[in-house]
Amino acid sequence: MSTYTDKFKKGMKVGKDVHMDFELREMTTDDMLDAEMEVSAGKPLNFSAALASLQLVRVGTYEGPFTLKMVKALHPDDFNALRAGLNEVAKLGEESSPSKKTD
């Protein structure tokens, strides 16, 4: 499974620590369904935030669990970096996926 790492501009606060780097993994069908259970897929920003909370592997030395509330607390620049990371890890997953034969 592919992962993608990047850095926040402002950071995510976890407890007393502010972490600047993050790692995301590819999404699974389970992630999409769980995110949709938490928020409506008809609200793309909320759905993206819920999905990000499930795809986060780590932020700094913190390895989860991550919540929607933690993602909502991010500075808008950091939320945008996280959303860009979701797109990048999706591309990495597509590149590494085996080709599927169709009839």
N, C-alpha and C. Protein backbone atom coordinates (compact mmCIF):
# COMPACT_ATOMS: atom_id res chain seq x y z
N MET A 1 0.84 -1.18 0.00
CA MET A 1 0.00 0.00 0.00
C MET A 1 0.88 1.24 0.00
N SER A 2 0.60 2.15 -0.88
CA SER A 2 1.39 3.37 -1.03
C SER A 2 1.11 4.35 0.10
N THR A 3 2.14 5.12 0.45
CA THR A 3 1.97 6.21 1.41
C THR A 3 2.59 7.47 0.83
N TYR A 4 2.19 8.60 1.39
CA TYR A 4 2.65 9.91 0.95
C TYR A 4 2.96 10.73 2.19
N THR A 5 4.10 11.41 2.20
CA THR A 5 4.46 12.27 3.33
C THR A 5 4.63 13.71 2.86
N ASP A 6 4.33 14.63 3.76
CA ASP A 6 4.48 16.05 3.48
C ASP A 6 4.55 16.78 4.82
N LYS A 7 4.63 18.09 4.73
CA LYS A 7 4.72 18.91 5.95
C LYS A 7 3.58 19.93 6.00
N PHE A 8 3.15 20.21 7.23
CA PHE A 8 2.19 21.27 7.47
C PHE A 8 2.94 22.60 7.55
N LYS A 9 2.23 23.70 7.35
CA LYS A 9 2.82 25.03 7.53
C LYS A 9 2.72 25.47 8.98
N LYS A 10 1.59 25.17 9.62
CA LYS A 10 1.35 25.58 11.01
C LYS A 10 1.45 24.41 11.98
N GLY A 11 1.08 23.22 11.53
CA GLY A 11 1.19 22.02 12.35
C GLY A 11 -0.11 21.57 12.97
N MET A 12 -0.12 20.33 13.40
CA MET A 12 -1.27 19.76 14.11
C MET A 12 -0.88 19.58 15.57
N LYS A 13 -1.70 20.14 16.45
CA LYS A 13 -1.44 20.02 17.88
C LYS A 13 -2.07 18.73 18.39
N VAL A 14 -1.24 17.94 19.04
CA VAL A 14 -1.69 16.70 19.68
C VAL A 14 -1.18 16.76 21.10
N GLY A 15 -2.10 16.92 22.05
CA GLY A 15 -1.69 17.13 23.43
C GLY A 15 -0.95 18.46 23.53
N LYS A 16 0.27 18.43 24.07
CA LYS A 16 1.07 19.66 24.19
C LYS A 16 1.99 19.87 23.00
N ASP A 17 2.11 18.86 22.14
CA ASP A 17 3.07 18.92 21.03
C ASP A 17 2.41 19.38 19.74
N VAL A 18 3.17 20.12 18.95
CA VAL A 18 2.75 20.52 17.61
C VAL A 18 3.63 19.76 16.63
N HIS A 19 2.98 18.99 15.76
CA HIS A 19 3.71 18.17 14.80
C HIS A 19 3.60 18.79 13.41
N MET A 20 4.70 18.76 12.68
CA MET A 20 4.77 19.44 11.40
C MET A 20 4.69 18.53 10.18
N ASP A 21 5.02 17.26 10.32
CA ASP A 21 4.97 16.38 9.15
C ASP A 21 3.85 15.36 9.31
N PHE A 22 3.38 14.87 8.17
CA PHE A 22 2.30 13.88 8.20
C PHE A 22 2.52 12.83 7.13
N GLU A 23 1.91 11.69 7.34
CA GLU A 23 1.95 10.58 6.39
C GLU A 23 0.54 10.07 6.18
N LEU A 24 0.18 9.91 4.92
CA LEU A 24 -1.13 9.38 4.53
C LEU A 24 -0.94 8.06 3.80
N ARG A 25 -1.91 7.18 3.91
CA ARG A 25 -1.90 5.93 3.15
C ARG A 25 -3.04 5.97 2.14
N GLU A 26 -2.98 5.05 1.20
CA GLU A 26 -4.05 4.93 0.21
C GLU A 26 -5.38 4.69 0.91
N MET A 27 -6.45 5.17 0.31
CA MET A 27 -7.77 4.90 0.88
C MET A 27 -8.24 3.50 0.48
N THR A 28 -9.11 2.98 1.30
CA THR A 28 -9.75 1.70 1.03
C THR A 28 -11.25 1.94 0.88
N THR A 29 -11.94 0.95 0.37
CA THR A 29 -13.39 1.04 0.29
C THR A 29 -13.97 1.22 1.69
N ASP A 30 -13.39 0.53 2.64
CA ASP A 30 -13.82 0.64 4.03
C ASP A 30 -13.71 2.09 4.53
N ASP A 31 -12.61 2.76 4.17
CA ASP A 31 -12.43 4.17 4.55
C ASP A 31 -13.55 5.03 3.99
N MET A 32 -13.85 4.83 2.69
CA MET A 32 -14.90 5.64 2.05
C MET A 32 -16.25 5.43 2.72
N LEU A 33 -16.57 4.17 3.02
CA LEU A 33 -17.86 3.88 3.65
C LEU A 33 -17.91 4.42 5.07
N ASP A 34 -16.81 4.28 5.82
CA ASP A 34 -16.78 4.81 7.19
C ASP A 34 -16.88 6.33 7.19
N ALA A 35 -16.19 6.99 6.26
CA ALA A 35 -16.25 8.46 6.17
C ALA A 35 -17.67 8.91 5.85
N GLU A 36 -18.33 8.18 4.96
CA GLU A 36 -19.71 8.52 4.60
C GLU A 36 -20.68 8.30 5.76
N MET A 37 -20.36 7.34 6.63
CA MET A 37 -21.20 7.11 7.81
C MET A 37 -21.06 8.28 8.80
N GLU A 38 -19.86 8.88 8.83
CA GLU A 38 -19.61 9.98 9.75
C GLU A 38 -20.17 11.30 9.24
N VAL A 39 -20.02 11.56 7.94
CA VAL A 39 -20.52 12.79 7.33
C VAL A 39 -21.09 12.47 5.96
N SER A 40 -21.93 13.32 5.46
CA SER A 40 -22.54 13.12 4.15
C SER A 40 -21.52 13.28 3.04
N ALA A 41 -21.52 12.35 2.10
CA ALA A 41 -20.64 12.47 0.94
C ALA A 41 -21.07 13.64 0.07
N GLY A 42 -22.28 14.16 0.29
CA GLY A 42 -22.77 15.32 -0.44
C GLY A 42 -22.14 16.62 0.01
N LYS A 43 -21.34 16.56 1.05
CA LYS A 43 -20.61 17.73 1.55
C LYS A 43 -19.12 17.43 1.38
N PRO A 44 -18.58 17.76 0.22
CA PRO A 44 -17.22 17.32 -0.13
C PRO A 44 -16.12 17.69 0.86
N LEU A 45 -16.15 18.88 1.42
CA LEU A 45 -15.09 19.25 2.37
C LEU A 45 -15.19 18.42 3.65
N ASN A 46 -16.40 18.22 4.14
CA ASN A 46 -16.57 17.41 5.34
C ASN A 46 -16.17 15.96 5.08
N PHE A 47 -16.56 15.44 3.92
CA PHE A 47 -16.22 14.07 3.56
C PHE A 47 -14.70 13.93 3.43
N SER A 48 -14.05 14.91 2.81
CA SER A 48 -12.61 14.90 2.65
C SER A 48 -11.90 14.90 4.01
N ALA A 49 -12.42 15.70 4.94
CA ALA A 49 -11.84 15.75 6.28
C ALA A 49 -12.00 14.42 7.00
N ALA A 50 -13.18 13.82 6.89
CA ALA A 50 -13.42 12.52 7.53
C ALA A 50 -12.52 11.45 6.92
N LEU A 51 -12.38 11.48 5.60
CA LEU A 51 -11.52 10.53 4.92
C LEU A 51 -10.06 10.72 5.33
N ALA A 52 -9.62 11.95 5.43
CA ALA A 52 -8.25 12.24 5.85
C ALA A 52 -7.98 11.70 7.25
N SER A 53 -8.95 11.82 8.14
CA SER A 53 -8.75 11.32 9.51
C SER A 53 -8.55 9.81 9.52
N LEU A 54 -9.12 9.13 8.53
CA LEU A 54 -8.98 7.68 8.43
C LEU A 54 -7.70 7.27 7.70
N GLN A 55 -7.24 8.09 6.77
CA GLN A 55 -6.06 7.76 5.98
C GLN A 55 -4.75 8.21 6.62
N LEU A 56 -4.83 9.06 7.65
CA LEU A 56 -3.60 9.48 8.32
C LEU A 56 -2.94 8.29 8.99
N VAL A 57 -1.66 8.11 8.71
CA VAL A 57 -0.87 7.06 9.34
C VAL A 57 -0.20 7.62 10.58
N ARG A 58 0.35 8.82 10.41
CA ARG A 58 1.02 9.47 11.54
C ARG A 58 1.12 10.96 11.28
N VAL A 59 1.25 11.69 12.37
CA VAL A 59 1.56 13.12 12.33
C VAL A 59 2.71 13.28 13.32
N GLY A 60 3.89 13.60 12.78
CA GLY A 60 5.08 13.62 13.64
C GLY A 60 5.32 12.25 14.21
N THR A 61 5.39 12.16 15.53
CA THR A 61 5.59 10.87 16.20
C THR A 61 4.27 10.25 16.65
N TYR A 62 3.17 10.98 16.50
CA TYR A 62 1.85 10.49 16.91
C TYR A 62 1.28 9.60 15.82
N GLU A 63 0.90 8.37 16.20
CA GLU A 63 0.41 7.40 15.22
C GLU A 63 -1.08 7.08 15.38
N GLY A 64 -1.82 8.02 15.89
CA GLY A 64 -3.27 7.87 15.94
C GLY A 64 -3.78 7.26 17.22
N PRO A 65 -5.07 7.13 17.30
CA PRO A 65 -6.05 7.34 16.24
C PRO A 65 -6.29 8.83 15.99
N PHE A 66 -6.74 9.13 14.77
CA PHE A 66 -7.05 10.49 14.37
C PHE A 66 -8.56 10.63 14.28
N THR A 67 -9.03 11.83 14.60
CA THR A 67 -10.47 12.08 14.58
C THR A 67 -10.79 13.23 13.64
N LEU A 68 -12.05 13.32 13.26
CA LEU A 68 -12.51 14.42 12.44
C LEU A 68 -12.26 15.74 13.17
N LYS A 69 -12.44 15.75 14.47
CA LYS A 69 -12.22 16.95 15.28
C LYS A 69 -10.77 17.45 15.14
N MET A 70 -9.81 16.53 15.10
CA MET A 70 -8.40 16.91 14.95
C MET A 70 -8.16 17.55 13.59
N VAL A 71 -8.77 17.00 12.56
CA VAL A 71 -8.60 17.55 11.22
C VAL A 71 -9.28 18.92 11.13
N LYS A 72 -10.45 19.05 11.74
CA LYS A 72 -11.17 20.33 11.73
C LYS A 72 -10.38 21.44 12.42
N ALA A 73 -9.52 21.08 13.35
CA ALA A 73 -8.75 22.07 14.10
C ALA A 73 -7.55 22.60 13.31
N LEU A 74 -7.25 22.01 12.17
CA LEU A 74 -6.11 22.46 11.37
C LEU A 74 -6.34 23.86 10.79
N HIS A 75 -5.26 24.59 10.62
CA HIS A 75 -5.29 25.86 9.90
C HIS A 75 -5.71 25.54 8.46
N PRO A 76 -6.44 26.43 7.78
CA PRO A 76 -6.86 26.16 6.40
C PRO A 76 -5.71 25.77 5.46
N ASP A 77 -4.54 26.39 5.62
CA ASP A 77 -3.39 26.02 4.78
C ASP A 77 -3.00 24.56 5.00
N ASP A 78 -3.05 24.12 6.25
CA ASP A 78 -2.69 22.74 6.56
C ASP A 78 -3.76 21.76 6.09
N PHE A 79 -5.02 22.16 6.19
CA PHE A 79 -6.10 21.31 5.67
C PHE A 79 -5.94 21.15 4.16
N ASN A 80 -5.58 22.24 3.48
CA ASN A 80 -5.35 22.17 2.03
C ASN A 80 -4.17 21.27 1.70
N ALA A 81 -3.12 21.30 2.52
CA ALA A 81 -1.97 20.42 2.31
C ALA A 81 -2.38 18.96 2.49
N LEU A 82 -3.23 18.71 3.46
CA LEU A 82 -3.73 17.36 3.70
C LEU A 82 -4.58 16.89 2.52
N ARG A 83 -5.45 17.76 2.02
CA ARG A 83 -6.29 17.42 0.86
C ARG A 83 -5.44 17.16 -0.38
N ALA A 84 -4.40 17.97 -0.57
CA ALA A 84 -3.49 17.74 -1.70
C ALA A 84 -2.78 16.40 -1.53
N GLY A 85 -2.44 16.08 -0.30
CA GLY A 85 -1.81 14.78 -0.02
C GLY A 85 -2.73 13.61 -0.33
N LEU A 86 -4.02 13.77 -0.07
CA LEU A 86 -4.98 12.72 -0.41
C LEU A 86 -4.98 12.47 -1.91
N ASN A 87 -4.92 13.54 -2.69
CA ASN A 87 -4.86 13.40 -4.15
C ASN A 87 -3.57 12.72 -4.59
N GLU A 88 -2.47 13.09 -3.98
CA GLU A 88 -1.17 12.51 -4.35
C GLU A 88 -1.09 11.03 -4.02
N VAL A 89 -1.56 10.65 -2.83
CA VAL A 89 -1.49 9.23 -2.46
C VAL A 89 -2.44 8.41 -3.33
N ALA A 90 -3.54 9.01 -3.77
CA ALA A 90 -4.45 8.31 -4.68
C ALA A 90 -3.75 8.06 -6.02
N LYS A 91 -2.99 9.05 -6.51
CA LYS A 91 -2.24 8.89 -7.76
C LYS A 91 -1.19 7.79 -7.62
N LEU A 92 -0.49 7.78 -6.49
CA LEU A 92 0.53 6.75 -6.26
C LEU A 92 -0.10 5.37 -6.27
N GLY A 93 -1.28 5.26 -5.67
CA GLY A 93 -1.99 3.98 -5.64
C GLY A 93 -2.40 3.52 -7.03
N GLU A 94 -2.83 4.47 -7.85
CA GLU A 94 -3.22 4.13 -9.22
C GLU A 94 -2.03 3.65 -10.03
N GLU A 95 -0.88 4.28 -9.81
CA GLU A 95 0.32 3.90 -10.55
C GLU A 95 0.83 2.53 -10.16
N SER A 96 0.63 2.14 -8.90
CA SER A 96 1.16 0.86 -8.43
C SER A 96 0.13 -0.27 -8.53
N SER A 97 -1.11 0.04 -8.86
CA SER A 97 -2.14 -0.99 -8.95
C SER A 97 -1.93 -1.84 -10.19
N PRO A 98 -2.18 -3.14 -10.07
CA PRO A 98 -2.08 -3.98 -11.26
C PRO A 98 -3.20 -3.63 -12.23
N SER A 99 -2.92 -3.79 -13.50
CA SER A 99 -3.94 -3.53 -14.52
C SER A 99 -5.02 -4.59 -14.41
N LYS A 100 -6.26 -4.15 -14.66
CA LYS A 100 -7.39 -5.08 -14.61
C LYS A 100 -7.86 -5.35 -16.03
N LYS A 101 -8.00 -6.61 -16.33
CA LYS A 101 -8.49 -6.99 -17.64
C LYS A 101 -10.02 -6.93 -17.64
N THR A 102 -10.57 -6.33 -18.66
CA THR A 102 -12.02 -6.29 -18.78
C THR A 102 -12.42 -7.10 -20.00
N ASP A 103 -13.59 -7.70 -19.93
CA ASP A 103 -14.09 -8.50 -21.06
C ASP A 103 -14.72 -7.65 -22.11
